[in-house]
Amino acid sequence: MSTYTYIKELDTGTFGTVYLCEKKHNRMKVAIKEMMLNKIQLAVAQNEVNVLRSLNHPNICQYYDSFRKNDKFSIVMEYARYGNLYDHLKKRRYRAEYLSRNSAFNIICQILMGLNHLHSRKIIHRDLKSENIFMAGPTKNFVKIGDFGISKILKSDHQKANTVVGTTNYLAPEMCDGKAYDIKSDVWMCDGKAYDIKSDVWSFGCIVYEVCALERLFEGTIAEVVMGMKSGTRKCINTQCFGEEIQEIIESTTQIDPVLRPTTTSLMALPVLARQICIISVKLGNIWNNSHCSSNHHKHIGRGPSPIL
């Protein structure tokens, strides 16, 4: 930490603590995730670094560096100054202040773009939820997916994962055949059915509903959540504001059978989202190219720019 100045603690989770720090030589603010080096957390840290190094997209939290000191392993990442999407929506819920159609679409499309980038690299996030979506930009208008500690890299298009990890409110049904091992953190880790990137698509559908309705699609105890998701009945958003097409996206992405769920590519091609995605891509592309050039030398390894989509 001699290169960085500690500012404050941002968050503490199952696999570590995140601090806001400042790089001493240029005062650039970064988020540093620090983990104790027991066997489980070391494996999580190494996995997160491997995932982050392979990603290069404006809707993914950037990886800068990692280092080990004494019994601690630290990952240096991009700092999203406006916190996470869950807290952003929670504040609005208390004020009964729903997002406008444009604001909701802006968030939904950027999450989809980031998720599409993950899936194009055969990576399952496995814990996609509003707490792991971060708000950035001058007016909270940029959205970034983060926290890749339990992600899974698939070696082929046909490979499936078996270990169940994730947050129950957003877990796909094919991942729910097991028992919770850590109720406090609401994370599951057990042997369930094989699953693939379509489990993230389910989580995306849950987040789409949450963005529009300011509440989770599935609430209650673990048993109630599982019963709700397997019932096949889905709550409705305000279609007068957000449109029937978004309700259809929620229902299609939360199909019980993962084979029936759309891919991120097919979702991005839907007319209701495609135009907004094109507009966002242009805006993000210009900002990303400028910021990427100025910050690239801070990163542990250099990479050339990749397409936004």
Foldseek 3Di string as FASTA:
>chain_A
DVQWAWDAWDDAADQFTWTWIAGPPPRAIWIKTKGFDDPLSVLLVVQQVVLQVVDFAQQAWHWADWDDDDRMIMTITHDAPQAFQLVVLLVCVVVVNADFLLQLLLALLSVLLQLQRCVVQFKAQLADARNQWGFHDPVSRHIHGDDSSPMDHDPDPPDWDFWHWYALLLFALQSPPDDAPDVVNRIRTDGGHTDGNLRVLSSSLQVSQCNQASDGFADDDSVRRNCSLVVLDTDDGPCVRNNPVSVVSSSQSSDNDSVSHDDSVVVCPDPVNVVVSVVVQVVSVVVSVVVCVVCQVSHPDHDDHDRND
